[in-house]
């Protein structure tokens, strides 16, 4: 059995892009470590914060509960400030993840990879799925940390743009709620590039269908950001399975060409 380290930008990112793979790895006997780059300072502020409770406090608590739902063995916080979306003034904050020197941040992650003797690391695709500055930085820092630590297997967690387009077209055809004003994955995202990656650029389609309830429960734990009335949690089980039953990755160094696969072996 090996150790999987999943590197994410914000609290709740672990649920959406790799929650199923985390639960699968744990079920198969692997050790799983979650590393979160930022505190999620600029997320949605819920109305029910207790006196003296900050958004960071809430999101850390939510992440602990998400980790328990997925079976994560250890959560590590790098402690950077959330950089906000592209063009926000928070991009320039000296303590933001966006402003952190790549080698400095990578050294923090590499220390975890060394401690854990990590066999597999997940990071994000080259534009962080949708162009968020912190997600882009996760890509660069993740790859640099793997070089520092000698971690051989690096998988870029991403979204299959063509799969999303097919789902949206199907929803529109059957008149599902939201189908007429469907999200267009081919439209410019936060950095001006389309959402995720094209299917032909991917390498691994990971089946996580047996672990969907773990993934959904993990999402529920992040109630301050993903509410019960959100798109993700209002989906019926069969639609959720179509949308999230596969998680998508690009293995560093592998030739593009999508096929069923797994992060270990």
Protein backbone atom coordinates (compact mmCIF):
# COMPACT_ATOMS: atom_id res chain seq x y z
CA UNK A 1 0.00 0.00 0.00
CA UNK A 2 1.16 3.53 -0.74
CA UNK A 3 0.50 7.13 0.28
CA UNK A 4 -1.54 9.58 -1.77
CA UNK A 5 -1.06 13.31 -1.18
CA UNK A 6 -3.79 15.51 -2.63
CA UNK A 7 -2.79 19.16 -2.97
CA UNK A 8 -5.64 21.66 -3.19
CA UNK A 9 -6.03 25.43 -3.23
CA UNK A 10 -8.95 26.01 -0.85
CA UNK A 11 -11.13 24.22 1.68
CA UNK A 12 -13.85 22.32 -0.29
CA UNK A 13 -11.73 21.80 -3.43
CA UNK A 14 -10.85 18.32 -2.20
CA UNK A 15 -14.53 17.34 -2.32
CA UNK A 16 -15.33 18.42 -5.83
CA UNK A 17 -12.34 17.32 -7.89
CA UNK A 18 -10.82 14.36 -6.00
CA UNK A 19 -13.31 13.31 -3.31
CA UNK A 20 -14.14 10.04 -5.00
CA UNK A 21 -10.51 9.13 -5.61
CA UNK A 22 -9.64 9.93 -2.00
CA UNK A 23 -12.42 7.67 -0.72
CA UNK A 24 -11.42 4.92 -3.15
CA UNK A 25 -7.75 5.10 -2.15
CA UNK A 26 -8.65 4.86 1.52
CA UNK A 27 -11.03 1.94 0.90
CA UNK A 28 -8.23 0.10 -0.91
CA UNK A 29 -5.92 0.49 2.09
CA UNK A 30 -3.78 3.46 1.06
CA UNK A 31 -2.84 6.35 3.34
CA UNK A 32 -4.29 9.70 2.21
CA UNK A 33 -2.98 13.14 3.12
CA UNK A 34 -4.71 16.39 2.19
CA UNK A 35 -2.59 19.54 1.83
CA UNK A 36 -4.52 22.82 1.55
CA UNK A 37 -2.62 25.85 0.27
CA UNK A 38 -4.85 28.66 1.56
CA UNK A 39 -7.25 29.34 4.40
CA UNK A 40 -10.12 30.19 2.06
CA UNK A 41 -10.36 33.70 3.51
CA UNK A 42 -12.36 35.12 0.58
CA UNK A 43 -15.07 32.50 0.32
CA UNK A 44 -18.78 33.01 0.98
CA UNK A 45 -19.41 34.28 4.52
CA UNK A 46 -22.32 32.39 6.13
CA UNK A 47 -24.97 34.18 8.19
CA UNK A 48 -24.58 31.91 11.20
CA UNK A 49 -20.99 32.57 12.29
CA UNK A 50 -20.81 32.44 16.09
CA UNK A 51 -19.46 35.36 18.08
CA UNK A 52 -15.69 35.34 17.69
CA UNK A 53 -15.80 32.76 14.89
CA UNK A 54 -14.12 33.73 11.63
CA UNK A 55 -14.73 32.37 8.16
CA UNK A 56 -11.32 30.69 8.37
CA UNK A 57 -12.36 28.97 11.61
CA UNK A 58 -15.55 27.72 9.98
CA UNK A 59 -13.84 26.47 6.85
CA UNK A 60 -11.17 24.61 8.80
CA UNK A 61 -13.86 22.91 10.86
CA UNK A 62 -15.74 22.01 7.69
CA UNK A 63 -12.57 20.57 6.20
CA UNK A 64 -11.98 18.41 9.27
CA UNK A 65 -15.48 16.99 8.87
CA UNK A 66 -14.99 16.49 5.14
CA UNK A 67 -11.73 14.67 5.84
CA UNK A 68 -13.54 12.35 8.23
CA UNK A 69 -16.23 11.65 5.62
CA UNK A 70 -13.62 10.72 3.01
CA UNK A 71 -11.31 8.84 5.36
CA UNK A 72 -8.37 11.25 5.07
CA UNK A 73 -5.60 10.39 7.51
CA UNK A 74 -3.93 13.80 7.84
CA UNK A 75 -4.75 17.39 6.91
CA UNK A 76 -1.90 19.90 6.44
CA UNK A 77 -2.46 23.65 6.01
CA UNK A 78 0.25 25.65 4.25
CA UNK A 79 -1.30 28.77 5.77
CA UNK A 80 -1.33 31.19 2.84
CA UNK A 81 -4.02 33.83 2.40
CA UNK A 82 -6.63 33.25 -0.29
CA UNK A 83 -5.69 35.30 -3.37
CA UNK A 84 -9.22 35.93 -4.61
CA UNK A 85 -10.29 35.77 -8.25
CA UNK A 86 -8.29 37.12 -11.19
CA UNK A 87 -7.91 40.90 -10.98
CA UNK A 88 -8.99 41.24 -7.34
CA UNK A 89 -6.86 43.45 -5.13
CA UNK A 90 -6.25 40.40 -2.93
CA UNK A 91 -3.98 39.08 -5.71
CA UNK A 92 -1.39 41.59 -4.51
CA UNK A 93 -1.56 40.79 -0.79
CA UNK A 94 1.99 39.93 0.33
CA UNK A 95 0.77 36.89 2.29
CA UNK A 96 -1.39 35.55 -0.54
CA UNK A 97 -0.58 32.24 -2.16
CA UNK A 98 -0.34 34.00 -5.54
CA UNK A 99 2.53 36.16 -4.26
CA UNK A 100 4.44 33.31 -2.59
CA UNK A 101 7.74 32.39 -4.29
CA UNK A 102 7.23 29.03 -5.99
CA UNK A 103 10.28 27.41 -4.40
CA UNK A 104 9.28 28.60 -0.93
CA UNK A 105 5.79 27.15 -1.18
CA UNK A 106 7.07 24.03 -2.94
CA UNK A 107 9.54 23.41 -0.12
CA UNK A 108 6.65 23.35 2.37
CA UNK A 109 4.80 20.79 0.27
CA UNK A 110 7.97 18.79 -0.45
CA UNK A 111 8.54 18.46 3.29
CA UNK A 112 5.18 16.71 3.56
CA UNK A 113 5.97 14.49 0.59
CA UNK A 114 9.25 13.50 2.26
CA UNK A 115 7.63 12.87 5.65
CA UNK A 116 4.94 10.71 4.10
CA UNK A 117 7.17 8.97 1.54
CA UNK A 118 4.40 9.85 -0.89
CA UNK A 119 3.99 7.59 -3.89
CA UNK A 120 1.38 9.73 -5.67
CA UNK A 121 0.68 13.48 -5.70
CA UNK A 122 -2.34 15.20 -7.24
CA UNK A 123 -2.21 18.82 -8.34
CA UNK A 124 -4.19 20.75 -11.03
CA UNK A 125 -3.92 21.24 -14.78
CA UNK A 126 -1.92 24.13 -16.23
CA UNK A 127 -4.66 26.75 -15.73
CA UNK A 128 -6.12 25.38 -12.51
CA UNK A 129 -9.30 24.12 -14.21
CA UNK A 130 -10.86 27.57 -14.51
CA UNK A 131 -8.12 30.13 -14.10
CA UNK A 132 -8.32 30.96 -10.39
CA UNK A 133 -4.91 32.35 -9.38
CA UNK A 134 -4.59 29.97 -6.41
CA UNK A 135 -5.42 26.97 -8.60
CA UNK A 136 -2.82 28.00 -11.17
CA UNK A 137 -0.29 28.34 -8.36
CA UNK A 138 -1.16 24.85 -7.10
CA UNK A 139 -0.16 23.52 -10.53
CA UNK A 140 3.27 25.18 -10.44
CA UNK A 141 3.97 24.55 -6.77
CA UNK A 142 2.81 20.94 -6.99
CA UNK A 143 5.09 20.07 -9.87
CA UNK A 144 8.06 21.85 -8.30
CA UNK A 145 7.51 20.10 -4.96
CA UNK A 146 7.41 16.72 -6.69
CA UNK A 147 10.77 17.51 -8.28
CA UNK A 148 12.22 18.50 -4.91
CA UNK A 149 10.90 15.40 -3.15
CA UNK A 150 11.47 12.92 -5.97
CA UNK A 151 7.78 12.00 -6.13
CA UNK A 152 7.48 10.10 -9.39
CA UNK A 153 3.73 9.91 -9.99
CA UNK A 154 2.09 13.32 -10.42
CA UNK A 155 -1.52 13.49 -11.58
CA UNK A 156 -3.19 16.75 -12.60
CA UNK A 157 -6.80 16.74 -11.42
CA UNK A 158 -8.97 18.41 -14.03
CA UNK A 159 -12.45 18.54 -15.52
CA UNK A 160 -13.42 16.89 -18.81
CA UNK A 161 -14.77 19.78 -20.85
CA UNK A 162 -16.40 17.53 -23.45
CA UNK A 163 -18.09 15.41 -20.79
CA UNK A 164 -19.58 18.53 -19.20
CA UNK A 165 -20.79 19.75 -22.60
CA UNK A 166 -22.51 16.40 -23.20
CA UNK A 167 -24.22 16.57 -19.80
CA UNK A 168 -25.42 20.12 -20.44
CA UNK A 169 -26.76 19.17 -23.86
CA UNK A 170 -28.58 16.20 -22.38
CA UNK A 171 -30.10 18.36 -19.64
CA UNK A 172 -31.32 20.85 -22.22
CA UNK A 173 -32.78 18.11 -24.42
CA UNK A 174 -34.86 16.64 -21.61
CA UNK A 175 -35.87 20.01 -20.18
CA UNK A 176 -34.10 19.61 -16.86
CA UNK A 177 -34.00 22.66 -14.57
CA UNK A 178 -31.20 24.93 -15.65
CA UNK A 179 -30.93 23.29 -19.05
CA UNK A 180 -31.99 26.40 -20.96
CA UNK A 181 -29.39 28.56 -19.25
CA UNK A 182 -26.74 25.87 -19.10
CA UNK A 183 -23.18 26.60 -18.12
CA UNK A 184 -21.03 26.61 -21.24
CA UNK A 185 -17.67 24.91 -20.53
CA UNK A 186 -16.32 26.22 -23.83
CA UNK A 187 -16.88 29.86 -22.85
CA UNK A 188 -14.02 31.87 -21.31
CA UNK A 189 -13.48 31.09 -17.62
CA UNK A 190 -11.71 33.28 -15.07
CA UNK A 191 -8.47 33.48 -17.06
CA UNK A 192 -10.14 33.69 -20.47
CA UNK A 193 -9.57 30.02 -21.29
CA UNK A 194 -12.31 27.40 -21.55
CA UNK A 195 -13.18 25.38 -18.45
CA UNK A 196 -11.10 22.27 -17.69
CA UNK A 197 -9.39 20.38 -20.48
CA UNK A 198 -10.51 18.80 -23.74
CA UNK A 199 -11.10 15.06 -23.54
CA UNK A 200 -8.30 14.22 -25.97
CA UNK A 201 -5.78 15.90 -23.64
CA UNK A 202 -6.59 13.65 -20.69
CA UNK A 203 -4.96 10.35 -19.72
CA UNK A 204 -6.97 8.80 -16.87
CA UNK A 205 -10.69 8.32 -16.31
CA UNK A 206 -10.98 7.10 -12.72
CA UNK A 207 -14.16 5.25 -11.78
CA UNK A 208 -15.35 6.47 -8.38
CA UNK A 209 -18.98 5.43 -8.72
CA UNK A 210 -18.93 3.13 -5.63
CA UNK A 211 -17.79 6.10 -3.52
CA UNK A 212 -20.28 8.76 -4.59
CA UNK A 213 -22.03 8.95 -1.24
CA UNK A 214 -18.67 9.64 0.43
CA UNK A 215 -18.08 12.42 -2.10
CA UNK A 216 -21.53 13.87 -1.64
CA UNK A 217 -21.25 13.76 2.16
CA UNK A 218 -17.90 15.53 1.89
CA UNK A 219 -19.59 18.28 -0.14
CA UNK A 220 -22.33 18.55 2.50
CA UNK A 221 -19.66 19.18 5.13
CA UNK A 222 -18.73 22.43 3.35
CA UNK A 223 -22.10 24.01 4.01
CA UNK A 224 -20.75 27.55 4.15
CA UNK A 225 -19.72 27.26 0.48
CA UNK A 226 -21.90 24.46 -0.94
CA UNK A 227 -25.42 24.84 0.41
CA UNK A 228 -28.23 22.31 0.28
CA UNK A 229 -29.85 24.31 -2.53
CA UNK A 230 -26.70 24.45 -4.64
CA UNK A 231 -26.46 22.86 -8.06
CA UNK A 232 -24.29 20.01 -6.78
CA UNK A 233 -26.45 18.92 -3.87
CA UNK A 234 -29.86 19.38 -5.45
CA UNK A 235 -29.04 16.90 -8.21
CA UNK A 236 -30.91 13.57 -7.98
CA UNK A 237 -28.66 10.54 -7.38
CA UNK A 238 -28.68 9.33 -10.98
CA UNK A 239 -27.72 12.76 -12.31
CA UNK A 240 -25.04 13.11 -9.64
CA UNK A 241 -23.63 9.75 -10.71
CA UNK A 242 -23.42 10.86 -14.35
CA UNK A 243 -21.74 14.13 -13.39
CA UNK A 244 -19.36 12.86 -10.71
CA UNK A 245 -19.00 9.10 -11.13
CA UNK A 246 -15.71 9.61 -12.99
CA UNK A 247 -12.81 11.82 -11.95
CA UNK A 248 -10.40 13.02 -14.61
CA UNK A 249 -6.62 13.29 -14.55
CA UNK A 250 -3.54 13.94 -16.65
CA UNK A 251 -0.50 11.88 -15.64
CA UNK A 252 2.73 13.85 -15.92
CA UNK A 253 4.91 12.45 -18.68
CA UNK A 254 2.21 10.26 -20.21
CA UNK A 255 1.10 10.62 -23.80
CA UNK A 256 -2.43 12.07 -24.11
CA UNK A 257 -5.06 9.44 -24.74
CA UNK A 258 -7.93 8.84 -22.34
CA UNK A 259 -8.52 5.38 -20.91
CA UNK A 260 -9.87 3.90 -17.67
CA UNK A 261 -7.16 3.92 -15.03
CA UNK A 262 -6.20 4.44 -11.43
CA UNK A 263 -3.73 6.55 -9.45
CA UNK A 264 -1.91 3.51 -8.07
CA UNK A 265 -0.44 1.15 -10.61
